[in-house]
Amino acid sequence: AKPGAVFLGVTHRLDRPTSGVVLFARTSKALAR
């Protein structure tokens, strides 16, 4: 129930036709590290 915009940082990518685990950062500290 977060008001306003939600922060989400993309840390890596997978090709579209590829499946599997994708990791995102929920805070700027986690994203930088």
PDB file of all heavy atoms in Angstrom:
ATOM      1  N   ALA A   1       0.826  -1.212   0.000  1.00  0.00           N
ATOM      2  CA  ALA A   1       0.000   0.000   0.000  1.00  0.00           C
ATOM      3  C   ALA A   1       0.857   1.257   0.000  1.00  0.00           C
ATOM      4  O   ALA A   1       0.665   2.183   0.801  1.00  0.00           O
ATOM      5  CB  ALA A   1      -0.942  -0.003   1.206  1.00  0.00           C
ATOM      6  N   LYS A   2       1.833   1.286  -0.908  1.00  0.00           N
ATOM      7  CA  LYS A   2       2.767   2.412  -0.956  1.00  0.00           C
ATOM      8  C   LYS A   2       2.160   3.596  -1.702  1.00  0.00           C
ATOM      9  O   LYS A   2       1.695   3.444  -2.834  1.00  0.00           O
ATOM     10  CB  LYS A   2       4.078   1.993  -1.635  1.00  0.00           C
ATOM     11  CG  LYS A   2       4.974   1.137  -0.757  1.00  0.00           C
ATOM     12  CD  LYS A   2       6.293   0.887  -1.450  1.00  0.00           C
ATOM     13  CE  LYS A   2       7.293   0.266  -0.495  1.00  0.00           C
ATOM     14  NZ  LYS A   2       7.745   1.191   0.542  1.00  0.00           N
ATOM     15  N   PRO A   3       2.176   4.780  -1.094  1.00  0.00           N
ATOM     16  CA  PRO A   3       1.716   5.968  -1.808  1.00  0.00           C
ATOM     17  C   PRO A   3       2.801   6.484  -2.762  1.00  0.00           C
ATOM     18  O   PRO A   3       3.987   6.270  -2.528  1.00  0.00           O
ATOM     19  CB  PRO A   3       1.476   6.964  -0.670  1.00  0.00           C
ATOM     20  CG  PRO A   3       2.468   6.564   0.377  1.00  0.00           C
ATOM     21  CD  PRO A   3       2.586   5.076   0.298  1.00  0.00           C
ATOM     22  N   GLY A   4       2.408   7.103  -3.828  1.00  0.00           N
ATOM     23  CA  GLY A   4       3.387   7.678  -4.753  1.00  0.00           C
ATOM     24  C   GLY A   4       4.142   6.634  -5.552  1.00  0.00           C
ATOM     25  O   GLY A   4       3.750   5.467  -5.643  1.00  0.00           O
ATOM     26  N   ALA A   5       5.252   7.085  -6.123  1.00  0.00           N
ATOM     27  CA  ALA A   5       6.042   6.219  -6.994  1.00  0.00           C
ATOM     28  C   ALA A   5       6.818   5.178  -6.189  1.00  0.00           C
ATOM     29  O   ALA A   5       7.253   5.439  -5.069  1.00  0.00           O
ATOM     30  CB  ALA A   5       7.006   7.064  -7.821  1.00  0.00           C
ATOM     31  N   VAL A   6       6.990   4.011  -6.773  1.00  0.00           N
ATOM     32  CA  VAL A   6       7.748   2.926  -6.154  1.00  0.00           C
ATOM     33  C   VAL A   6       9.137   2.879  -6.779  1.00  0.00           C
ATOM     34  O   VAL A   6       9.276   2.875  -8.001  1.00  0.00           O
ATOM     35  CB  VAL A   6       7.039   1.573  -6.360  1.00  0.00           C
ATOM     36  CG1 VAL A   6       7.918   0.421  -5.883  1.00  0.00           C
ATOM     37  CG2 VAL A   6       5.696   1.556  -5.636  1.00  0.00           C
ATOM     38  N   PHE A   7      10.175   2.832  -5.939  1.00  0.00           N
ATOM     39  CA  PHE A   7      11.545   2.704  -6.453  1.00  0.00           C
ATOM     40  C   PHE A   7      11.838   1.244  -6.774  1.00  0.00           C
ATOM     41  O   PHE A   7      11.560   0.351  -5.973  1.00  0.00           O
ATOM     42  CB  PHE A   7      12.560   3.200  -5.421  1.00  0.00           C
ATOM     43  CG  PHE A   7      13.992   3.031  -5.869  1.00  0.00           C
ATOM     44  CD1 PHE A   7      14.613   4.027  -6.607  1.00  0.00           C
ATOM     45  CD2 PHE A   7      14.708   1.868  -5.584  1.00  0.00           C
ATOM     46  CE1 PHE A   7      15.935   3.871  -7.048  1.00  0.00           C
ATOM     47  CE2 PHE A   7      16.013   1.706  -6.020  1.00  0.00           C
ATOM     48  CZ  PHE A   7      16.630   2.712  -6.749  1.00  0.00           C
ATOM     49  N   LEU A   8      12.399   1.005  -7.953  1.00  0.00           N
ATOM     50  CA  LEU A   8      12.848  -0.332  -8.326  1.00  0.00           C
ATOM     51  C   LEU A   8      14.027  -0.188  -9.276  1.00  0.00           C
ATOM     52  O   LEU A   8      13.917   0.445 -10.329  1.00  0.00           O
ATOM     53  CB  LEU A   8      11.730  -1.132  -9.007  1.00  0.00           C
ATOM     54  CG  LEU A   8      12.046  -2.616  -9.186  1.00  0.00           C
ATOM     55  CD1 LEU A   8      11.919  -3.353  -7.854  1.00  0.00           C
ATOM     56  CD2 LEU A   8      11.117  -3.258 -10.215  1.00  0.00           C
ATOM     57  N   GLY A   9      15.151  -0.754  -8.904  1.00  0.00           N
ATOM     58  CA  GLY A   9      16.351  -0.662  -9.729  1.00  0.00           C
ATOM     59  C   GLY A   9      16.621  -1.950 -10.473  1.00  0.00           C
ATOM     60  O   GLY A   9      16.564  -3.046  -9.898  1.00  0.00           O
ATOM     61  N   VAL A  10      16.896  -1.851 -11.766  1.00  0.00           N
ATOM     62  CA  VAL A  10      17.234  -3.017 -12.587  1.00  0.00           C
ATOM     63  C   VAL A  10      18.730  -3.278 -12.444  1.00  0.00           C
ATOM     64  O   VAL A  10      19.551  -2.428 -12.773  1.00  0.00           O
ATOM     65  CB  VAL A  10      16.873  -2.773 -14.061  1.00  0.00           C
ATOM     66  CG1 VAL A  10      17.296  -3.964 -14.921  1.00  0.00           C
ATOM     67  CG2 VAL A  10      15.375  -2.518 -14.213  1.00  0.00           C
ATOM     68  N   THR A  11      19.078  -4.454 -11.944  1.00  0.00           N
ATOM     69  CA  THR A  11      20.490  -4.777 -11.705  1.00  0.00           C
ATOM     70  C   THR A  11      21.115  -5.580 -12.842  1.00  0.00           C
ATOM     71  O   THR A  11      22.324  -5.542 -13.040  1.00  0.00           O
ATOM     72  CB  THR A  11      20.643  -5.572 -10.398  1.00  0.00           C
ATOM     73  OG1 THR A  11      19.959  -6.829 -10.519  1.00  0.00           O
ATOM     74  CG2 THR A  11      20.048  -4.798  -9.223  1.00  0.00           C
ATOM     75  N   HIS A  12      20.312  -6.349 -13.573  1.00  0.00           N
ATOM     76  CA  HIS A  12      20.806  -7.132 -14.702  1.00  0.00           C
ATOM     77  C   HIS A  12      19.619  -7.472 -15.588  1.00  0.00           C
ATOM     78  O   HIS A  12      18.470  -7.211 -15.237  1.00  0.00           O
ATOM     79  CB  HIS A  12      21.519  -8.411 -14.235  1.00  0.00           C
ATOM     80  CG  HIS A  12      20.605  -9.419 -13.605  1.00  0.00           C
ATOM     81  ND1 HIS A  12      20.394 -10.681 -14.114  1.00  0.00           N
ATOM     82  CD2 HIS A  12      19.822  -9.349 -12.494  1.00  0.00           C
ATOM     83  CE1 HIS A  12      19.546 -11.341 -13.356  1.00  0.00           C
ATOM     84  NE2 HIS A  12      19.171 -10.562 -12.362  1.00  0.00           N
ATOM     85  N   ARG A  13      19.876  -8.056 -16.744  1.00  0.00           N
ATOM     86  CA  ARG A  13      18.817  -8.342 -17.705  1.00  0.00           C
ATOM     87  C   ARG A  13      18.943  -9.755 -18.246  1.00  0.00           C
ATOM     88  O   ARG A  13      20.027 -10.340 -18.225  1.00  0.00           O
ATOM     89  CB  ARG A  13      18.881  -7.343 -18.870  1.00  0.00           C
ATOM     90  CG  ARG A  13      18.650  -5.898 -18.440  1.00  0.00           C
ATOM     91  CD  ARG A  13      19.083  -4.915 -19.530  1.00  0.00           C
ATOM     92  NE  ARG A  13      18.935  -3.543 -19.092  1.00  0.00           N
ATOM     93  CZ  ARG A  13      19.797  -2.902 -18.306  1.00  0.00           C
ATOM     94  NH1 ARG A  13      20.890  -3.529 -17.864  1.00  0.00           N
ATOM     95  NH2 ARG A  13      19.601  -1.644 -17.953  1.00  0.00           N
ATOM     96  N   LEU A  14      17.840 -10.257 -18.735  1.00  0.00           N
ATOM     97  CA  LEU A  14      17.824 -11.508 -19.490  1.00  0.00           C
ATOM     98  C   LEU A  14      17.235 -11.212 -20.862  1.00  0.00           C
ATOM     99  O   LEU A  14      16.325 -10.388 -20.982  1.00  0.00           O
ATOM    100  CB  LEU A  14      16.959 -12.566 -18.799  1.00  0.00           C
ATOM    101  CG  LEU A  14      17.428 -13.149 -17.463  1.00  0.00           C
ATOM    102  CD1 LEU A  14      16.409 -14.165 -16.964  1.00  0.00           C
ATOM    103  CD2 LEU A  14      18.799 -13.782 -17.574  1.00  0.00           C
ATOM    104  N   ASP A  15      17.726 -11.902 -21.886  1.00  0.00           N
ATOM    105  CA  ASP A  15      17.126 -11.764 -23.213  1.00  0.00           C
ATOM    106  C   ASP A  15      15.644 -12.116 -23.130  1.00  0.00           C
ATOM    107  O   ASP A  15      15.247 -12.976 -22.343  1.00  0.00           O
ATOM    108  CB  ASP A  15      17.796 -12.711 -24.210  1.00  0.00           C
ATOM    109  CG  ASP A  15      19.256 -12.370 -24.449  1.00  0.00           C
ATOM    110  OD1 ASP A  15      19.647 -11.222 -24.182  1.00  0.00           O
ATOM    111  OD2 ASP A  15      19.993 -13.278 -24.893  1.00  0.00           O
ATOM    112  N   ARG A  16      14.843 -11.476 -23.955  1.00  0.00           N
ATOM    113  CA  ARG A  16      13.399 -11.719 -23.902  1.00  0.00           C
ATOM    114  C   ARG A  16      13.029 -13.195 -24.009  1.00  0.00           C
ATOM    115  O   ARG A  16      12.176 -13.677 -23.254  1.00  0.00           O
ATOM    116  CB  ARG A  16      12.688 -10.903 -24.983  1.00  0.00           C
ATOM    117  CG  ARG A  16      11.165 -11.075 -24.932  1.00  0.00           C
ATOM    118  CD  ARG A  16      10.434 -10.013 -25.698  1.00  0.00           C
ATOM    119  NE  ARG A  16       9.007 -10.020 -25.335  1.00  0.00           N
ATOM    120  CZ  ARG A  16       8.159  -9.049 -25.627  1.00  0.00           C
ATOM    121  NH1 ARG A  16       8.571  -7.975 -26.267  1.00  0.00           N
ATOM    122  NH2 ARG A  16       6.890  -9.130 -25.266  1.00  0.00           N
ATOM    123  N   PRO A  17      13.606 -13.975 -24.926  1.00  0.00           N
ATOM    124  CA  PRO A  17      13.173 -15.375 -25.040  1.00  0.00           C
ATOM    125  C   PRO A  17      13.702 -16.292 -23.948  1.00  0.00           C
ATOM    126  O   PRO A  17      13.385 -17.482 -23.939  1.00  0.00           O
ATOM    127  CB  PRO A  17      13.713 -15.789 -26.414  1.00  0.00           C
ATOM    128  CG  PRO A  17      14.873 -14.898 -26.651  1.00  0.00           C
ATOM    129  CD  PRO A  17      14.523 -13.597 -26.019  1.00  0.00           C
ATOM    130  N   THR A  18      14.505 -15.747 -23.027  1.00  0.00           N
ATOM    131  CA  THR A  18      15.079 -16.529 -21.937  1.00  0.00           C
ATOM    132  C   THR A  18      14.210 -16.415 -20.689  1.00  0.00           C
ATOM    133  O   THR A  18      13.671 -15.351 -20.393  1.00  0.00           O
ATOM    134  CB  THR A  18      16.501 -16.032 -21.618  1.00  0.00           C
ATOM    135  OG1 THR A  18      17.299 -16.109 -22.798  1.00  0.00           O
ATOM    136  CG2 THR A  18      17.149 -16.859 -20.527  1.00  0.00           C
ATOM    137  N   SER A  19      14.074 -17.496 -19.955  1.00  0.00           N
ATOM    138  CA  SER A  19      13.310 -17.494 -18.704  1.00  0.00           C
ATOM    139  C   SER A  19      14.262 -17.548 -17.514  1.00  0.00           C
ATOM    140  O   SER A  19      15.466 -17.740 -17.663  1.00  0.00           O
ATOM    141  CB  SER A  19      12.346 -18.685 -18.672  1.00  0.00           C
ATOM    142  OG  SER A  19      13.064 -19.904 -18.765  1.00  0.00           O
ATOM    143  N   GLY A  20      13.685 -17.387 -16.312  1.00  0.00           N
ATOM    144  CA  GLY A  20      14.488 -17.600 -15.116  1.00  0.00           C
ATOM    145  C   GLY A  20      14.565 -16.426 -14.171  1.00  0.00           C
ATOM    146  O   GLY A  20      13.843 -15.430 -14.306  1.00  0.00           O
ATOM    147  N   VAL A  21      15.456 -16.550 -13.195  1.00  0.00           N
ATOM    148  CA  VAL A  21      15.530 -15.604 -12.090  1.00  0.00           C
ATOM    149  C   VAL A  21      16.089 -14.252 -12.518  1.00  0.00           C
ATOM    150  O   VAL A  21      17.111 -14.174 -13.199  1.00  0.00           O
ATOM    151  CB  VAL A  21      16.348 -16.191 -10.912  1.00  0.00           C
ATOM    152  CG1 VAL A  21      17.764 -16.557 -11.327  1.00  0.00           C
ATOM    153  CG2 VAL A  21      16.370 -15.233  -9.745  1.00  0.00           C
ATOM    154  N   VAL A  22      15.363 -13.199 -12.142  1.00  0.00           N
ATOM    155  CA  VAL A  22      15.804 -11.824 -12.360  1.00  0.00           C
ATOM    156  C   VAL A  22      15.782 -11.110 -11.013  1.00  0.00           C
ATOM    157  O   VAL A  22      14.795 -11.184 -10.283  1.00  0.00           O
ATOM    158  CB  VAL A  22      14.902 -11.075 -13.361  1.00  0.00           C
ATOM    159  CG1 VAL A  22      15.383  -9.638 -13.547  1.00  0.00           C
ATOM    160  CG2 VAL A  22      14.866 -11.791 -14.704  1.00  0.00           C
ATOM    161  N   LEU A  23      16.856 -10.412 -10.714  1.00  0.00           N
ATOM    162  CA  LEU A  23      17.008  -9.738  -9.428  1.00  0.00           C
ATOM    163  C   LEU A  23      16.842  -8.234  -9.594  1.00  0.00           C
ATOM    164  O   LEU A  23      17.453  -7.625 -10.477  1.00  0.00           O
ATOM    165  CB  LEU A  23      18.398 -10.049  -8.859  1.00  0.00           C
ATOM    166  CG  LEU A  23      18.751  -9.471  -7.492  1.00  0.00           C
ATOM    167  CD1 LEU A  23      17.882 -10.088  -6.402  1.00  0.00           C
ATOM    168  CD2 LEU A  23      20.232  -9.732  -7.195  1.00  0.00           C
ATOM    169  N   PHE A  24      16.016  -7.638  -8.740  1.00  0.00           N
ATOM    170  CA  PHE A  24      15.813  -6.186  -8.730  1.00  0.00           C
ATOM    171  C   PHE A  24      16.184  -5.632  -7.355  1.00  0.00           C
ATOM    172  O   PHE A  24      16.123  -6.347  -6.342  1.00  0.00           O
ATOM    173  CB  PHE A  24      14.351  -5.838  -9.000  1.00  0.00           C
ATOM    174  CG  PHE A  24      13.848  -6.215 -10.369  1.00  0.00           C
ATOM    175  CD1 PHE A  24      13.151  -7.402 -10.560  1.00  0.00           C
ATOM    176  CD2 PHE A  24      14.064  -5.385 -11.454  1.00  0.00           C
ATOM    177  CE1 PHE A  24      12.672  -7.758 -11.807  1.00  0.00           C
ATOM    178  CE2 PHE A  24      13.590  -5.734 -12.719  1.00  0.00           C
ATOM    179  CZ  PHE A  24      12.896  -6.917 -12.893  1.00  0.00           C
ATOM    180  N   ALA A  25      16.532  -4.347  -7.328  1.00  0.00           N
ATOM    181  CA  ALA A  25      16.827  -3.657  -6.068  1.00  0.00           C
ATOM    182  C   ALA A  25      15.632  -2.797  -5.670  1.00  0.00           C
ATOM    183  O   ALA A  25      15.061  -2.086  -6.498  1.00  0.00           O
ATOM    184  CB  ALA A  25      18.067  -2.783  -6.221  1.00  0.00           C
ATOM    185  N   ARG A  26      15.277  -2.856  -4.391  1.00  0.00           N
ATOM    186  CA  ARG A  26      14.157  -2.065  -3.887  1.00  0.00           C
ATOM    187  C   ARG A  26      14.608  -0.765  -3.233  1.00  0.00           C
ATOM    188  O   ARG A  26      13.756   0.076  -2.905  1.00  0.00           O
ATOM    189  CB  ARG A  26      13.343  -2.896  -2.895  1.00  0.00           C
ATOM    190  CG  ARG A  26      12.583  -4.062  -3.520  1.00  0.00           C
ATOM    191  CD  ARG A  26      11.638  -4.701  -2.525  1.00  0.00           C
ATOM    192  NE  ARG A  26      10.714  -3.706  -1.973  1.00  0.00           N
ATOM    193  CZ  ARG A  26       9.963  -3.903  -0.895  1.00  0.00           C
ATOM    194  NH1 ARG A  26      10.054  -5.046  -0.229  1.00  0.00           N
ATOM    195  NH2 ARG A  26       9.149  -2.964  -0.455  1.00  0.00           N
ATOM    196  N   THR A  27      15.909  -0.607  -3.019  1.00  0.00           N
ATOM    197  CA  THR A  27      16.436   0.624  -2.433  1.00  0.00           C
ATOM    198  C   THR A  27      17.644   1.088  -3.233  1.00  0.00           C
ATOM    199  O   THR A  27      18.306   0.284  -3.899  1.00  0.00           O
ATOM    200  CB  THR A  27      16.864   0.417  -0.969  1.00  0.00           C
ATOM    201  OG1 THR A  27      17.938  -0.550  -0.924  1.00  0.00           O
ATOM    202  CG2 THR A  27      15.695  -0.062  -0.115  1.00  0.00           C
ATOM    203  N   SER A  28      17.945   2.358  -3.170  1.00  0.00           N
ATOM    204  CA  SER A  28      19.095   2.904  -3.895  1.00  0.00           C
ATOM    205  C   SER A  28      20.404   2.339  -3.348  1.00  0.00           C
ATOM    206  O   SER A  28      21.362   2.133  -4.100  1.00  0.00           O
ATOM    207  CB  SER A  28      19.093   4.434  -3.812  1.00  0.00           C
ATOM    208  OG  SER A  28      19.099   4.873  -2.465  1.00  0.00           O
ATOM    209  N   LYS A  29      20.454   2.093  -2.036  1.00  0.00           N
ATOM    210  CA  LYS A  29      21.657   1.506  -1.437  1.00  0.00           C
ATOM    211  C   LYS A  29      21.925   0.122  -2.023  1.00  0.00           C
ATOM    212  O   LYS A  29      23.050  -0.198  -2.419  1.00  0.00           O
ATOM    213  CB  LYS A  29      21.499   1.401   0.080  1.00  0.00           C
ATOM    214  CG  LYS A  29      22.688   0.736   0.778  1.00  0.00           C
ATOM    215  CD  LYS A  29      22.382   0.416   2.238  1.00  0.00           C
ATOM    216  CE  LYS A  29      22.281   1.670   3.068  1.00  0.00           C
ATOM    217  NZ  LYS A  29      22.186   1.342   4.533  1.00  0.00           N
ATOM    218  N   ALA A  30      20.883  -0.700  -2.096  1.00  0.00           N
ATOM    219  CA  ALA A  30      21.039  -2.042  -2.654  1.00  0.00           C
ATOM    220  C   ALA A  30      21.410  -1.987  -4.131  1.00  0.00           C
ATOM    221  O   ALA A  30      22.239  -2.774  -4.609  1.00  0.00           O
ATOM    222  CB  ALA A  30      19.753  -2.839  -2.465  1.00  0.00           C
ATOM    223  N   LEU A  31      20.812  -1.057  -4.862  1.00  0.00           N
ATOM    224  CA  LEU A  31      21.097  -0.940  -6.292  1.00  0.00           C
ATOM    225  C   LEU A  31      22.565  -0.610  -6.533  1.00  0.00           C
ATOM    226  O   LEU A  31      23.225  -1.236  -7.374  1.00  0.00           O
ATOM    227  CB  LEU A  31      20.212   0.129  -6.925  1.00  0.00           C
ATOM    228  CG  LEU A  31      20.451   0.400  -8.415  1.00  0.00           C
ATOM    229  CD1 LEU A  31      20.202  -0.853  -9.242  1.00  0.00           C
ATOM    230  CD2 LEU A  31      19.569   1.548  -8.902  1.00  0.00           C
ATOM    231  N   ALA A  32      23.096   0.369  -5.815  1.00  0.00           N
ATOM    232  CA  ALA A  32      24.490   0.773  -6.007  1.00  0.00           C
ATOM    233  C   ALA A  32      25.433  -0.384  -5.701  1.00  0.00           C
ATOM    234  O   ALA A  32      26.389  -0.648  -6.441  1.00  0.00           O
ATOM    235  CB  ALA A  32      24.804   1.978  -5.123  1.00  0.00           C
ATOM    236  N   ARG A  33      25.166  -1.093  -4.612  1.00  0.00           N
ATOM    237  CA  ARG A  33      26.046  -2.191  -4.220  1.00  0.00           C
ATOM    238  C   ARG A  33      25.925  -3.379  -5.163  1.00  0.00           C
ATOM    239  O   ARG A  33      26.930  -4.015  -5.505  1.00  0.00           O
ATOM    240  CB  ARG A  33      25.747  -2.606  -2.785  1.00  0.00           C
ATOM    241  CG  ARG A  33      26.145  -1.537  -1.765  1.00  0.00           C
ATOM    242  CD  ARG A  33      25.838  -1.946  -0.336  1.00  0.00           C
ATOM    243  NE  ARG A  33      26.233  -0.896   0.603  1.00  0.00           N
ATOM    244  CZ  ARG A  33      26.024  -0.949   1.923  1.00  0.00           C
ATOM    245  NH1 ARG A  33      25.424  -2.002   2.453  1.00  0.00           N
ATOM    246  NH2 ARG A  33      26.417   0.036   2.704  1.00  0.00           N
TER     247      ARG A  33
END
